[in-house]
Amino acid sequence: MTDDHSWRLVAKLDELRLRARMIQAVRRFFQERDFLEVETPLLIPAPAPEVHIDAVAAGDWFLQTSPELCMKRLLAAGYGKIYQICKCFRLGERGERHLPEFTILEWYRANADYRALMDDCEDLLLGIAVELGISGFVSRQGGRVMLDKPWERITVEDAFIRYAGMDVAEALARDCFEELLTAEVEPHLGVDTPVFLYDYPREQSALARLKEDDPTIAERFELYIDGMEIANAFSELTDAAEQRRRFEEACRERKQRGASVYPLPEHFLESLPHMPPSAGIALGVDRLAMLFAGKKRMDDVVAFTPESL
């Protein structure tokens, strides 16, 4: 090991200690609420086909982009409340807030919807803050984001009108939804208190259940703190035929843009009719560590980056 690499590892010691305490607090939170910690395979035959997420091939199989398919199969088998902390892999993701190999926390509740997960998020982050001894806040440039409940909740439609000056239908029609979300909406979210951005258009919610009173809207939210997405959650789609249709549509779009087309996860689709009404959420552990450590780069809260290996 070069002296430079050794120095970088030593310089991260405080952040890695905080990260370890944070993960221990996460496990205590779920254990106290009778969630079962599970482990599912990292190497899978088929990831969930999503238009803008590219999987890392490993022979004829793939490294998981998320543990959700296997975890939902556990729900279908009768498991009620489950969680997992694991590694995920996505091709080509690298930046201050992205790594191609990253750590994720996912948890699922049977017989619940996305609103129950909002409550979980509030209690989880407050509980972590208490265990870390930082009195209910996370650091941000020039100030703090307070974690006191209740957190702000704003629909995607209202956020686009307020911050982008355009409604969602027009943004979708102009094919600039993601661009406006990133450039105009996200920087305003979670500046003083965490924000749940909820009720996404169905076009942006491949695995989410649609609202009964408005099938153009999906029961999905993302949690933002200091302008950064921390978690993505939704009420789960349990209609196998509709899920297959959405997967096939994603595969067609991937083919049109020249991306790899993955086989469909048939065992997952076969299990869906047996899954009860459920809700699930993926929370970025590395990003959460960034917030609690007051760091701007993910590199500062992981021991090794790809470039250091």
Protein backbone atom coordinates (compact mmCIF):
# COMPACT_ATOMS: atom_id res chain seq x y z
CA MET A 1 0.00 0.00 0.00
CA THR A 2 1.34 3.41 -0.91
CA ASP A 3 1.77 6.06 1.76
CA ASP A 4 -0.93 8.15 0.06
CA HIS A 5 -3.50 5.34 0.21
CA SER A 6 -2.56 4.58 3.81
CA TRP A 7 -3.01 8.22 4.79
CA ARG A 8 -6.43 8.37 3.12
CA LEU A 9 -7.59 5.32 5.09
CA VAL A 10 -6.37 6.77 8.38
CA ALA A 11 -8.05 10.11 7.62
CA LYS A 12 -11.44 8.36 7.31
CA LEU A 13 -11.31 6.66 10.72
CA ASP A 14 -13.80 8.96 12.47
CA GLU A 15 -16.26 8.74 9.57
CA LEU A 16 -16.02 4.95 9.43
CA ARG A 17 -16.58 4.71 13.18
CA LEU A 18 -19.68 6.91 12.84
CA ARG A 19 -20.88 4.77 9.92
CA ALA A 20 -20.49 1.59 11.99
CA ARG A 21 -22.46 3.10 14.90
CA MET A 22 -25.14 4.24 12.45
CA ILE A 23 -25.55 0.75 11.01
CA GLN A 24 -25.71 -0.74 14.51
CA ALA A 25 -28.48 1.77 15.32
CA VAL A 26 -30.36 0.72 12.17
CA ARG A 27 -30.26 -2.92 13.20
CA ARG A 28 -31.47 -2.12 16.72
CA PHE A 29 -34.35 -0.06 15.31
CA PHE A 30 -35.69 -2.95 13.25
CA GLN A 31 -35.02 -5.61 15.86
CA GLU A 32 -37.01 -3.64 18.41
CA ARG A 33 -39.92 -3.50 15.95
CA ASP A 34 -39.91 -7.24 15.29
CA PHE A 35 -38.56 -7.09 11.74
CA LEU A 36 -36.67 -10.17 10.56
CA GLU A 37 -33.24 -9.49 9.07
CA VAL A 38 -32.82 -11.52 5.88
CA GLU A 39 -30.06 -12.21 3.37
CA THR A 40 -30.74 -12.81 -0.31
CA PRO A 41 -28.32 -13.66 -3.16
CA LEU A 42 -26.19 -10.96 -4.77
CA LEU A 43 -25.89 -13.02 -7.95
CA ILE A 44 -29.23 -13.42 -9.73
CA PRO A 45 -30.41 -14.69 -13.14
CA ALA A 46 -32.48 -11.60 -13.97
CA PRO A 47 -32.67 -8.08 -12.51
CA ALA A 48 -35.86 -6.03 -12.61
CA PRO A 49 -35.91 -4.42 -16.08
CA GLU A 50 -35.77 -0.64 -15.59
CA VAL A 51 -35.10 1.77 -18.42
CA HIS A 52 -32.28 3.78 -16.85
CA ILE A 53 -30.64 1.24 -14.52
CA ASP A 54 -27.92 -0.97 -16.01
CA ALA A 55 -26.89 -4.19 -14.27
CA VAL A 56 -23.35 -5.56 -14.00
CA ALA A 57 -23.09 -8.88 -15.83
CA ALA A 58 -21.38 -11.78 -14.07
CA GLY A 59 -21.15 -14.62 -16.56
CA ASP A 60 -24.68 -15.45 -17.72
CA TRP A 61 -26.17 -13.92 -14.54
CA PHE A 62 -26.06 -10.46 -12.97
CA LEU A 63 -25.04 -8.74 -9.76
CA GLN A 64 -28.20 -7.39 -8.17
CA THR A 65 -29.17 -3.75 -8.68
CA SER A 66 -31.52 -4.16 -5.70
CA PRO A 67 -32.59 -7.04 -3.45
CA GLU A 68 -36.27 -6.24 -4.01
CA LEU A 69 -37.24 -9.18 -6.23
CA CYS A 70 -36.08 -11.80 -3.74
CA MET A 71 -37.43 -9.86 -0.76
CA LYS A 72 -40.86 -9.61 -2.37
CA ARG A 73 -40.80 -13.36 -2.95
CA LEU A 74 -40.35 -13.71 0.80
CA LEU A 75 -43.43 -11.54 1.33
CA ALA A 76 -45.34 -13.78 -1.07
CA ALA A 77 -44.23 -16.80 0.99
CA GLY A 78 -45.80 -15.30 4.14
CA TYR A 79 -43.05 -13.19 5.74
CA GLY A 80 -44.59 -10.09 7.33
CA LYS A 81 -41.88 -7.55 8.19
CA ILE A 82 -38.37 -7.95 6.79
CA TYR A 83 -35.25 -5.84 6.27
CA GLN A 84 -31.80 -6.24 4.75
CA ILE A 85 -28.53 -4.28 4.58
CA CYS A 86 -26.57 -5.38 1.54
CA LYS A 87 -24.40 -4.46 -1.42
CA CYS A 88 -25.87 -3.53 -4.80
CA PHE A 89 -24.21 -2.88 -8.14
CA ARG A 90 -25.06 -0.58 -11.04
CA LEU A 91 -23.02 -0.16 -14.18
CA GLY A 92 -21.50 3.24 -14.88
CA GLU A 93 -22.64 5.02 -11.71
CA ARG A 94 -19.84 7.23 -10.38
CA GLY A 95 -19.86 10.71 -8.89
CA GLU A 96 -19.88 12.57 -5.58
CA ARG A 97 -23.13 10.79 -4.65
CA HIS A 98 -22.73 7.59 -6.65
CA LEU A 99 -20.61 4.46 -6.59
CA PRO A 100 -20.91 1.42 -8.87
CA GLU A 101 -20.91 -0.74 -5.71
CA PHE A 102 -22.94 0.73 -2.87
CA THR A 103 -24.72 -0.24 0.34
CA ILE A 104 -28.49 -0.22 0.59
CA LEU A 105 -31.05 -0.75 3.33
CA GLU A 106 -34.38 -2.18 2.22
CA TRP A 107 -37.38 -2.99 4.36
CA TYR A 108 -40.86 -4.27 3.59
CA ARG A 109 -44.17 -4.36 5.41
CA ALA A 110 -47.00 -6.73 4.50
CA ASN A 111 -50.51 -5.32 4.77
CA ALA A 112 -49.26 -1.72 4.67
CA ASP A 113 -48.93 1.09 2.15
CA TYR A 114 -46.36 3.80 1.44
CA ARG A 115 -47.67 6.08 4.18
CA ALA A 116 -46.53 3.60 6.85
CA LEU A 117 -43.00 3.82 5.44
CA MET A 118 -43.02 7.60 5.85
CA ASP A 119 -43.60 7.07 9.56
CA ASP A 120 -40.79 4.49 9.64
CA CYS A 121 -38.37 6.96 8.04
CA GLU A 122 -39.11 9.68 10.58
CA ASP A 123 -38.65 7.33 13.53
CA LEU A 124 -35.56 5.62 12.07
CA LEU A 125 -33.56 8.79 11.41
CA LEU A 126 -34.53 10.35 14.73
CA GLY A 127 -33.50 7.15 16.48
CA ILE A 128 -30.13 7.13 14.72
CA ALA A 129 -29.54 10.77 15.65
CA VAL A 130 -30.22 10.01 19.31
CA GLU A 131 -27.81 7.07 19.32
CA LEU A 132 -25.14 9.18 17.65
CA GLY A 133 -25.67 11.91 20.24
CA ILE A 134 -26.38 14.70 17.77
CA SER A 135 -29.74 15.90 19.13
CA GLY A 136 -32.00 15.34 16.16
CA PHE A 137 -30.30 16.95 13.18
CA VAL A 138 -27.98 16.28 10.26
CA SER A 139 -25.32 18.74 9.17
CA ARG A 140 -25.49 20.71 5.96
CA GLN A 141 -23.37 23.41 4.35
CA GLY A 142 -23.79 26.42 6.62
CA GLY A 143 -26.44 24.93 8.90
CA ARG A 144 -28.53 21.96 9.97
CA VAL A 145 -31.52 19.98 8.74
CA MET A 146 -33.72 19.37 11.77
CA LEU A 147 -35.32 15.92 12.09
CA ASP A 148 -38.21 16.91 14.36
CA LYS A 149 -41.55 15.39 13.27
CA PRO A 150 -43.63 15.87 11.24
CA TRP A 151 -41.56 16.19 8.07
CA GLU A 152 -42.79 18.13 5.08
CA ARG A 153 -44.82 16.27 2.45
CA ILE A 154 -45.33 17.65 -1.06
CA THR A 155 -46.76 16.00 -4.16
CA VAL A 156 -44.69 15.80 -7.31
CA GLU A 157 -47.31 17.90 -9.12
CA ASP A 158 -47.16 20.69 -6.54
CA ALA A 159 -43.35 20.61 -6.45
CA PHE A 160 -43.08 20.95 -10.24
CA ILE A 161 -45.48 23.88 -10.33
CA ARG A 162 -43.77 25.58 -7.38
CA TYR A 163 -40.14 25.10 -8.38
CA ALA A 164 -40.09 24.29 -12.12
CA GLY A 165 -42.96 26.47 -13.29
CA MET A 166 -44.48 23.58 -15.23
CA ASP A 167 -46.97 20.85 -14.44
CA VAL A 168 -46.03 17.17 -14.62
CA ALA A 169 -48.11 16.42 -17.72
CA GLU A 170 -46.26 19.06 -19.72
CA ALA A 171 -42.87 17.91 -18.41
CA LEU A 172 -43.64 14.35 -19.51
CA ALA A 173 -44.93 15.51 -22.89
CA ARG A 174 -41.72 17.49 -23.47
CA ASP A 175 -39.61 14.55 -22.23
CA CYS A 176 -37.89 16.75 -19.64
CA PHE A 177 -39.29 15.31 -16.39
CA GLU A 178 -35.97 13.96 -15.10
CA GLU A 179 -34.07 17.06 -16.20
CA LEU A 180 -36.44 19.41 -14.38
CA LEU A 181 -36.58 17.19 -11.31
CA THR A 182 -32.79 17.21 -11.01
CA ALA A 183 -32.08 20.82 -11.95
CA GLU A 184 -35.11 22.75 -10.68
CA VAL A 185 -36.92 20.74 -8.02
CA GLU A 186 -34.39 18.69 -6.03
CA PRO A 187 -32.17 21.62 -4.89
CA HIS A 188 -35.15 23.05 -2.95
CA LEU A 189 -36.07 19.84 -1.14
CA GLY A 190 -35.10 19.09 2.45
CA VAL A 191 -33.19 22.30 3.09
CA ASP A 192 -34.52 22.92 6.62
CA THR A 193 -36.40 19.68 7.33
CA PRO A 194 -36.61 16.37 5.43
CA VAL A 195 -39.19 16.26 2.64
CA PHE A 196 -41.29 13.41 1.27
CA LEU A 197 -41.87 14.02 -2.44
CA TYR A 198 -44.84 11.77 -3.16
CA ASP A 199 -47.42 10.64 -5.74
CA TYR A 200 -45.25 10.20 -8.82
CA PRO A 201 -46.65 9.88 -12.36
CA ARG A 202 -47.22 6.28 -13.36
CA GLU A 203 -44.57 6.62 -16.08
CA GLN A 204 -41.93 7.03 -13.35
CA SER A 205 -43.05 4.11 -11.19
CA ALA A 206 -42.38 0.75 -12.80
CA LEU A 207 -43.05 -1.43 -9.74
CA ALA A 208 -45.53 0.72 -7.79
CA ARG A 209 -49.25 0.34 -7.26
CA LEU A 210 -51.47 2.99 -8.86
CA LYS A 211 -53.89 5.07 -6.81
CA GLU A 212 -57.44 3.75 -6.91
CA ASP A 213 -58.98 7.20 -7.44
CA ASP A 214 -56.41 8.32 -10.04
CA PRO A 215 -54.66 5.65 -12.15
CA THR A 216 -52.30 8.26 -13.63
CA ILE A 217 -50.59 8.52 -10.23
CA ALA A 218 -48.50 5.88 -8.41
CA GLU A 219 -48.24 5.46 -4.64
CA ARG A 220 -44.54 6.26 -4.59
CA PHE A 221 -42.39 8.69 -2.61
CA GLU A 222 -38.77 9.72 -2.40
CA LEU A 223 -37.21 11.13 0.75
CA TYR A 224 -34.97 14.17 0.32
CA ILE A 225 -32.58 15.74 2.79
CA ASP A 226 -30.48 18.77 1.86
CA GLY A 227 -31.43 18.42 -1.81
CA MET A 228 -30.29 14.79 -1.97
CA GLU A 229 -32.49 11.75 -2.49
CA ILE A 230 -32.07 9.35 0.43
CA ALA A 231 -34.81 6.79 -0.12
CA ASN A 232 -37.28 5.54 -2.72
CA ALA A 233 -40.49 3.81 -1.61
CA PHE A 234 -43.85 2.66 -2.88
CA SER A 235 -46.93 0.60 -2.30
CA GLU A 236 -46.15 -2.59 -4.16
CA LEU A 237 -47.79 -3.68 -7.38
CA THR A 238 -49.19 -7.20 -6.94
CA ASP A 239 -50.89 -7.62 -10.33
CA ALA A 240 -48.64 -10.10 -12.16
CA ALA A 241 -50.10 -9.39 -15.61
CA GLU A 242 -49.64 -5.63 -15.22
CA GLN A 243 -46.12 -6.10 -13.83
CA ARG A 244 -45.20 -8.29 -16.82
CA ARG A 245 -46.59 -5.64 -19.19
CA ARG A 246 -44.48 -2.93 -17.50
CA PHE A 247 -41.34 -5.09 -17.60
CA GLU A 248 -41.88 -5.84 -21.30
CA GLU A 249 -42.37 -2.13 -22.01
CA ALA A 250 -39.12 -1.33 -20.17
CA CYS A 251 -37.33 -3.99 -22.23
CA ARG A 252 -38.62 -2.44 -25.45
CA GLU A 253 -37.41 1.00 -24.37
CA ARG A 254 -34.00 -0.40 -23.40
CA LYS A 255 -33.70 -2.05 -26.82
CA GLN A 256 -34.65 1.20 -28.58
CA ARG A 257 -31.87 3.10 -26.84
CA GLY A 258 -29.33 0.38 -27.50
CA ALA A 259 -29.06 -0.89 -23.91
CA SER A 260 -28.81 -4.50 -22.80
CA VAL A 261 -32.14 -6.30 -22.59
CA TYR A 262 -32.45 -8.62 -19.60
CA PRO A 263 -34.49 -11.80 -19.29
CA LEU A 264 -37.69 -11.41 -17.31
CA PRO A 265 -37.59 -12.55 -13.65
CA GLU A 266 -40.13 -15.33 -14.10
CA HIS A 267 -40.01 -16.75 -10.55
CA PHE A 268 -40.75 -13.29 -9.19
CA LEU A 269 -43.68 -12.83 -11.57
CA GLU A 270 -45.04 -16.26 -10.60
CA SER A 271 -44.95 -15.28 -6.92
CA LEU A 272 -46.76 -11.94 -7.27
CA PRO A 273 -50.35 -13.29 -7.06
CA HIS A 274 -49.48 -14.65 -3.60
CA MET A 275 -48.07 -11.38 -2.24
CA PRO A 276 -50.38 -9.47 0.12
CA PRO A 277 -50.84 -5.70 -0.14
CA SER A 278 -47.37 -4.48 0.85
CA ALA A 279 -45.02 -1.54 0.88
CA GLY A 280 -41.25 -1.45 0.41
CA ILE A 281 -38.43 1.07 0.55
CA ALA A 282 -34.77 1.32 -0.45
CA LEU A 283 -32.59 3.73 1.56
CA GLY A 284 -29.01 4.60 0.60
CA VAL A 285 -26.74 3.77 3.53
CA ASP A 286 -23.74 5.58 2.05
CA ARG A 287 -25.75 8.75 1.49
CA LEU A 288 -27.17 8.57 4.99
CA ALA A 289 -23.64 8.28 6.37
CA MET A 290 -22.68 11.36 4.33
CA LEU A 291 -25.44 13.35 5.99
CA PHE A 292 -24.72 12.28 9.55
CA ALA A 293 -20.97 12.80 9.01
CA GLY A 294 -21.52 16.20 7.37
CA LYS A 295 -19.69 15.18 4.19
CA LYS A 296 -20.41 16.18 0.59
CA ARG A 297 -18.81 13.16 -1.11
CA MET A 298 -19.60 9.49 -0.77
CA ASP A 299 -15.85 8.81 -1.06
CA ASP A 300 -15.42 10.21 2.47
CA VAL A 301 -17.67 7.61 4.17
CA VAL A 302 -16.52 4.39 2.49
CA ALA A 303 -13.19 2.73 3.17
CA PHE A 304 -12.29 2.08 -0.47
CA THR A 305 -13.35 3.72 -3.70
CA PRO A 306 -12.96 1.91 -7.06
CA GLU A 307 -9.98 4.11 -7.92
CA SER A 308 -8.10 3.08 -4.75
CA LEU A 309 -8.25 -0.67 -5.40
